[in-house]
């Protein structure tokens, strides 16, 4: 009686390859279940490993970004703007540089009007970061330069929206963001 053909045991069948891939995908899914559940609708995201780190695909930047708690919130905000509020992807910008008093800063998300003016400025924080007066001061400083009509601050759990009236130097908190090109 001879030994079994070892090549048989070394070759992976299509089923085995599929199961291995499913286990790998389950690992990624389980990893993301460990990310905090946010106060947004459920959205589908694409993930992959980059240098042993998990990355999430950013539809606006059209590339994979290393996943952090703040990025998790940012990607949910972007999907909320696209899928729920129907803001056009072509008018959304993510993590771009702006200059404030000779300091280089980055905003999280901006939605432009078709005329190039800024409709919405969004500041994202990680879920474990409490939204405080400092957060509102930060977005207000950014908006001195950007002049957005609406502001949103979110840590994924709590969301704050406001509209600005630059002529009256006043702001109004809103229960939700308006559709684009519609008054609050």
C-alpha atoms as a PDB file:
ATOM      1  CA  UNK A   1       0.000   0.000   0.000  1.00  0.00           C
ATOM      2  CA  UNK A   2       1.543   3.321  -1.045  1.00  0.00           C
ATOM      3  CA  UNK A   3       1.219   6.802   0.267  1.00  0.00           C
ATOM      4  CA  UNK A   4      -1.544   8.982  -1.149  1.00  0.00           C
ATOM      5  CA  UNK A   5      -0.697  11.340  -3.978  1.00  0.00           C
ATOM      6  CA  UNK A   6       0.626  14.418  -2.130  1.00  0.00           C
ATOM      7  CA  UNK A   7       0.002  16.652  -5.153  1.00  0.00           C
ATOM      8  CA  UNK A   8      -3.687  16.105  -4.556  1.00  0.00           C
ATOM      9  CA  UNK A   9      -3.374  17.592  -1.053  1.00  0.00           C
ATOM     10  CA  UNK A  10      -1.224  20.523  -2.168  1.00  0.00           C
ATOM     11  CA  UNK A  11      -3.507  21.656  -4.978  1.00  0.00           C
ATOM     12  CA  UNK A  12      -6.391  23.809  -3.893  1.00  0.00           C
ATOM     13  CA  UNK A  13      -9.665  23.172  -5.586  1.00  0.00           C
ATOM     14  CA  UNK A  14     -11.790  26.046  -6.825  1.00  0.00           C
ATOM     15  CA  UNK A  15     -14.086  25.436  -3.854  1.00  0.00           C
ATOM     16  CA  UNK A  16     -11.164  25.609  -1.413  1.00  0.00           C
ATOM     17  CA  UNK A  17      -9.919  28.828  -3.023  1.00  0.00           C
ATOM     18  CA  UNK A  18     -13.419  30.292  -2.773  1.00  0.00           C
ATOM     19  CA  UNK A  19     -13.662  29.283   0.891  1.00  0.00           C
ATOM     20  CA  UNK A  20     -10.253  30.811   1.654  1.00  0.00           C
ATOM     21  CA  UNK A  21     -11.299  34.053  -0.065  1.00  0.00           C
ATOM     22  CA  UNK A  22     -14.606  34.027   1.839  1.00  0.00           C
ATOM     23  CA  UNK A  23     -12.735  33.582   5.122  1.00  0.00           C
ATOM     24  CA  UNK A  24     -10.412  36.447   4.219  1.00  0.00           C
ATOM     25  CA  UNK A  25     -13.387  38.627   3.293  1.00  0.00           C
ATOM     26  CA  UNK A  26     -15.097  37.615   6.544  1.00  0.00           C
ATOM     27  CA  UNK A  27     -11.990  38.704   8.416  1.00  0.00           C
ATOM     28  CA  UNK A  28     -12.222  42.113   6.771  1.00  0.00           C
ATOM     29  CA  UNK A  29     -15.965  42.241   7.487  1.00  0.00           C
ATOM     30  CA  UNK A  30     -15.390  41.284  11.119  1.00  0.00           C
ATOM     31  CA  UNK A  31     -12.711  43.960  11.367  1.00  0.00           C
ATOM     32  CA  UNK A  32     -15.163  46.570  10.148  1.00  0.00           C
ATOM     33  CA  UNK A  33     -17.840  45.364  12.500  1.00  0.00           C
ATOM     34  CA  UNK A  34     -15.316  46.340  15.164  1.00  0.00           C
ATOM     35  CA  UNK A  35     -15.479  49.902  13.818  1.00  0.00           C
ATOM     36  CA  UNK A  36     -18.082  51.825  15.732  1.00  0.00           C
ATOM     37  CA  UNK A  37     -21.590  51.750  14.354  1.00  0.00           C
ATOM     38  CA  UNK A  38     -22.496  55.267  13.293  1.00  0.00           C
ATOM     39  CA  UNK A  39     -25.715  57.262  13.242  1.00  0.00           C
ATOM     40  CA  UNK A  40     -26.056  57.083   9.450  1.00  0.00           C
ATOM     41  CA  UNK A  41     -27.902  54.757   7.105  1.00  0.00           C
ATOM     42  CA  UNK A  42     -25.979  51.595   6.216  1.00  0.00           C
ATOM     43  CA  UNK A  43     -23.772  52.130   3.161  1.00  0.00           C
ATOM     44  CA  UNK A  44     -21.672  49.665   1.173  1.00  0.00           C
ATOM     45  CA  UNK A  45     -17.937  50.318   1.045  1.00  0.00           C
ATOM     46  CA  UNK A  46     -14.994  48.683  -0.700  1.00  0.00           C
ATOM     47  CA  UNK A  47     -12.002  47.642   1.404  1.00  0.00           C
ATOM     48  CA  UNK A  48      -8.550  46.236   0.798  1.00  0.00           C
ATOM     49  CA  UNK A  49      -5.294  45.654   2.633  1.00  0.00           C
ATOM     50  CA  UNK A  50      -2.405  48.054   2.017  1.00  0.00           C
ATOM     51  CA  UNK A  51       0.874  47.353   3.819  1.00  0.00           C
ATOM     52  CA  UNK A  52      -0.950  45.260   6.415  1.00  0.00           C
ATOM     53  CA  UNK A  53      -3.467  48.046   7.084  1.00  0.00           C
ATOM     54  CA  UNK A  54      -7.090  48.158   6.067  1.00  0.00           C
ATOM     55  CA  UNK A  55      -8.043  50.795   3.520  1.00  0.00           C
ATOM     56  CA  UNK A  56     -11.438  52.075   2.409  1.00  0.00           C
ATOM     57  CA  UNK A  57     -12.196  53.275  -1.109  1.00  0.00           C
ATOM     58  CA  UNK A  58     -12.958  56.990  -1.375  1.00  0.00           C
ATOM     59  CA  UNK A  59     -15.329  57.596  -4.305  1.00  0.00           C
ATOM     60  CA  UNK A  60     -14.392  61.264  -4.500  1.00  0.00           C
ATOM     61  CA  UNK A  61     -10.600  60.924  -4.431  1.00  0.00           C
ATOM     62  CA  UNK A  62     -10.927  57.688  -6.433  1.00  0.00           C
ATOM     63  CA  UNK A  63      -8.375  55.816  -4.334  1.00  0.00           C
ATOM     64  CA  UNK A  64      -8.061  53.661  -1.239  1.00  0.00           C
ATOM     65  CA  UNK A  65      -7.397  55.554   2.001  1.00  0.00           C
ATOM     66  CA  UNK A  66      -6.057  53.973   5.202  1.00  0.00           C
ATOM     67  CA  UNK A  67      -9.029  53.471   7.483  1.00  0.00           C
ATOM     68  CA  UNK A  68      -9.038  55.448  10.732  1.00  0.00           C
ATOM     69  CA  UNK A  69     -12.032  56.253  12.945  1.00  0.00           C
ATOM     70  CA  UNK A  70     -12.186  59.772  11.456  1.00  0.00           C
ATOM     71  CA  UNK A  71     -11.979  58.385   7.907  1.00  0.00           C
ATOM     72  CA  UNK A  72     -14.821  56.006   8.765  1.00  0.00           C
ATOM     73  CA  UNK A  73     -16.951  59.047   9.667  1.00  0.00           C
ATOM     74  CA  UNK A  74     -15.787  61.037   6.620  1.00  0.00           C
ATOM     75  CA  UNK A  75     -16.722  58.222   4.222  1.00  0.00           C
ATOM     76  CA  UNK A  76     -20.158  57.919   5.831  1.00  0.00           C
ATOM     77  CA  UNK A  77     -20.671  61.673   5.475  1.00  0.00           C
ATOM     78  CA  UNK A  78     -19.704  61.525   1.793  1.00  0.00           C
ATOM     79  CA  UNK A  79     -22.116  58.647   1.146  1.00  0.00           C
ATOM     80  CA  UNK A  80     -24.862  60.481   3.051  1.00  0.00           C
ATOM     81  CA  UNK A  81     -24.359  63.540   0.849  1.00  0.00           C
ATOM     82  CA  UNK A  82     -24.365  61.454  -2.348  1.00  0.00           C
ATOM     83  CA  UNK A  83     -26.982  58.799  -1.632  1.00  0.00           C
ATOM     84  CA  UNK A  84     -29.412  60.504   0.740  1.00  0.00           C
ATOM     85  CA  UNK A  85     -29.201  64.187  -0.185  1.00  0.00           C
ATOM     86  CA  UNK A  86     -28.325  63.476  -3.839  1.00  0.00           C
ATOM     87  CA  UNK A  87     -25.523  66.034  -4.004  1.00  0.00           C
ATOM     88  CA  UNK A  88     -23.554  65.468  -7.232  1.00  0.00           C
ATOM     89  CA  UNK A  89     -20.209  63.696  -6.735  1.00  0.00           C
ATOM     90  CA  UNK A  90     -18.637  66.126  -9.187  1.00  0.00           C
ATOM     91  CA  UNK A  91     -19.299  69.018  -6.768  1.00  0.00           C
ATOM     92  CA  UNK A  92     -17.824  67.295  -3.687  1.00  0.00           C
ATOM     93  CA  UNK A  93     -14.222  67.768  -2.583  1.00  0.00           C
ATOM     94  CA  UNK A  94     -12.492  65.822   0.213  1.00  0.00           C
ATOM     95  CA  UNK A  95      -9.466  66.788   2.340  1.00  0.00           C
ATOM     96  CA  UNK A  96      -8.002  69.710   0.460  1.00  0.00           C
ATOM     97  CA  UNK A  97      -5.544  72.288   1.720  1.00  0.00           C
ATOM     98  CA  UNK A  98      -6.581  75.799   2.662  1.00  0.00           C
ATOM     99  CA  UNK A  99      -4.539  78.705   4.028  1.00  0.00           C
ATOM    100  CA  UNK A 100      -5.672  80.534   7.150  1.00  0.00           C
ATOM    101  CA  UNK A 101      -3.415  83.356   8.394  1.00  0.00           C
ATOM    102  CA  UNK A 102      -0.376  81.774   6.696  1.00  0.00           C
ATOM    103  CA  UNK A 103      -1.163  78.415   8.322  1.00  0.00           C
ATOM    104  CA  UNK A 104      -1.830  75.365   6.173  1.00  0.00           C
ATOM    105  CA  UNK A 105      -4.995  73.517   7.201  1.00  0.00           C
ATOM    106  CA  UNK A 106      -7.167  70.824   5.610  1.00  0.00           C
ATOM    107  CA  UNK A 107     -10.911  70.791   5.435  1.00  0.00           C
ATOM    108  CA  UNK A 108     -12.708  67.442   5.537  1.00  0.00           C
ATOM    109  CA  UNK A 109     -15.486  67.843   2.974  1.00  0.00           C
ATOM    110  CA  UNK A 110     -16.726  70.706   0.821  1.00  0.00           C
ATOM    111  CA  UNK A 111     -19.691  70.756  -1.546  1.00  0.00           C
ATOM    112  CA  UNK A 112     -19.555  73.413  -4.249  1.00  0.00           C
ATOM    113  CA  UNK A 113     -22.391  75.175  -6.048  1.00  0.00           C
ATOM    114  CA  UNK A 114     -22.340  74.998  -9.836  1.00  0.00           C
ATOM    115  CA  UNK A 115     -21.079  78.613  -9.882  1.00  0.00           C
ATOM    116  CA  UNK A 116     -17.998  77.607  -7.839  1.00  0.00           C
ATOM    117  CA  UNK A 117     -19.127  79.108  -4.534  1.00  0.00           C
ATOM    118  CA  UNK A 118     -19.172  76.822  -1.509  1.00  0.00           C
ATOM    119  CA  UNK A 119     -22.537  75.419  -0.546  1.00  0.00           C
ATOM    120  CA  UNK A 120     -21.457  73.243   2.409  1.00  0.00           C
ATOM    121  CA  UNK A 121     -18.388  72.860   4.631  1.00  0.00           C
ATOM    122  CA  UNK A 122     -18.154  69.693   6.761  1.00  0.00           C
ATOM    123  CA  UNK A 123     -15.891  69.024   9.739  1.00  0.00           C
ATOM    124  CA  UNK A 124     -15.556  65.348  10.746  1.00  0.00           C
ATOM    125  CA  UNK A 125     -14.284  63.985  14.025  1.00  0.00           C
ATOM    126  CA  UNK A 126     -13.711  60.403  15.145  1.00  0.00           C
ATOM    127  CA  UNK A 127     -16.652  58.891  17.072  1.00  0.00           C
ATOM    128  CA  UNK A 128     -14.757  58.955  20.362  1.00  0.00           C
ATOM    129  CA  UNK A 129     -14.102  62.715  20.012  1.00  0.00           C
ATOM    130  CA  UNK A 130     -16.776  64.784  21.702  1.00  0.00           C
ATOM    131  CA  UNK A 131     -18.014  67.684  19.615  1.00  0.00           C
ATOM    132  CA  UNK A 132     -17.179  70.770  21.636  1.00  0.00           C
ATOM    133  CA  UNK A 133     -16.950  74.528  21.297  1.00  0.00           C
ATOM    134  CA  UNK A 134     -13.424  73.986  19.929  1.00  0.00           C
ATOM    135  CA  UNK A 135     -14.920  72.010  17.032  1.00  0.00           C
ATOM    136  CA  UNK A 136     -17.355  74.813  16.213  1.00  0.00           C
ATOM    137  CA  UNK A 137     -14.543  77.378  16.517  1.00  0.00           C
ATOM    138  CA  UNK A 138     -12.430  75.316  14.100  1.00  0.00           C
ATOM    139  CA  UNK A 139     -15.112  75.156  11.404  1.00  0.00           C
ATOM    140  CA  UNK A 140     -15.891  78.863  11.926  1.00  0.00           C
ATOM    141  CA  UNK A 141     -12.201  79.731  11.338  1.00  0.00           C
ATOM    142  CA  UNK A 142     -12.166  77.640   8.160  1.00  0.00           C
ATOM    143  CA  UNK A 143     -15.348  79.320   7.008  1.00  0.00           C
ATOM    144  CA  UNK A 144     -13.863  82.810   7.371  1.00  0.00           C
ATOM    145  CA  UNK A 145     -11.868  81.860   4.284  1.00  0.00           C
ATOM    146  CA  UNK A 146     -14.297  79.529   2.507  1.00  0.00           C
ATOM    147  CA  UNK A 147     -17.620  81.387   3.050  1.00  0.00           C
ATOM    148  CA  UNK A 148     -19.839  78.288   2.906  1.00  0.00           C
ATOM    149  CA  UNK A 149     -23.575  78.826   3.020  1.00  0.00           C
ATOM    150  CA  UNK A 150     -24.080  75.771   5.274  1.00  0.00           C
ATOM    151  CA  UNK A 151     -21.952  74.028   7.898  1.00  0.00           C
ATOM    152  CA  UNK A 152     -22.041  70.456   9.179  1.00  0.00           C
ATOM    153  CA  UNK A 153     -20.115  69.033  12.133  1.00  0.00           C
ATOM    154  CA  UNK A 154     -20.228  65.285  12.788  1.00  0.00           C
ATOM    155  CA  UNK A 155     -18.477  62.631  14.819  1.00  0.00           C
ATOM    156  CA  UNK A 156     -20.671  60.000  13.209  1.00  0.00           C
ATOM    157  CA  UNK A 157     -22.873  59.794  16.284  1.00  0.00           C
ATOM    158  CA  UNK A 158     -23.991  63.416  16.580  1.00  0.00           C
ATOM    159  CA  UNK A 159     -24.546  65.730  13.634  1.00  0.00           C
ATOM    160  CA  UNK A 160     -25.008  69.499  13.737  1.00  0.00           C
ATOM    161  CA  UNK A 161     -26.140  71.602  10.782  1.00  0.00           C
ATOM    162  CA  UNK A 162     -26.443  75.340  10.426  1.00  0.00           C
ATOM    163  CA  UNK A 163     -27.088  77.945   7.779  1.00  0.00           C
ATOM    164  CA  UNK A 164     -25.244  81.227   7.662  1.00  0.00           C
ATOM    165  CA  UNK A 165     -26.492  84.695   6.849  1.00  0.00           C
ATOM    166  CA  UNK A 166     -23.366  86.725   6.181  1.00  0.00           C
ATOM    167  CA  UNK A 167     -25.249  90.021   5.716  1.00  0.00           C
ATOM    168  CA  UNK A 168     -26.974  89.751   9.098  1.00  0.00           C
ATOM    169  CA  UNK A 169     -23.899  88.100  10.655  1.00  0.00           C
ATOM    170  CA  UNK A 170     -26.169  85.369  12.004  1.00  0.00           C
ATOM    171  CA  UNK A 171     -26.460  81.612  11.924  1.00  0.00           C
ATOM    172  CA  UNK A 172     -29.371  79.253  12.425  1.00  0.00           C
ATOM    173  CA  UNK A 173     -29.116  75.654  13.576  1.00  0.00           C
ATOM    174  CA  UNK A 174     -31.088  73.258  11.389  1.00  0.00           C
ATOM    175  CA  UNK A 175     -32.540  69.804  11.982  1.00  0.00           C
ATOM    176  CA  UNK A 176     -31.178  68.651   8.614  1.00  0.00           C
ATOM    177  CA  UNK A 177     -29.364  69.907   5.553  1.00  0.00           C
ATOM    178  CA  UNK A 178     -31.444  71.190   2.658  1.00  0.00           C
ATOM    179  CA  UNK A 179     -31.390  69.781  -0.807  1.00  0.00           C
ATOM    180  CA  UNK A 180     -29.046  71.728  -3.015  1.00  0.00           C
ATOM    181  CA  UNK A 181     -30.413  74.995  -4.491  1.00  0.00           C
ATOM    182  CA  UNK A 182     -33.340  75.032  -2.072  1.00  0.00           C
ATOM    183  CA  UNK A 183     -33.839  77.425   0.826  1.00  0.00           C
ATOM    184  CA  UNK A 184     -33.721  76.118   4.381  1.00  0.00           C
END
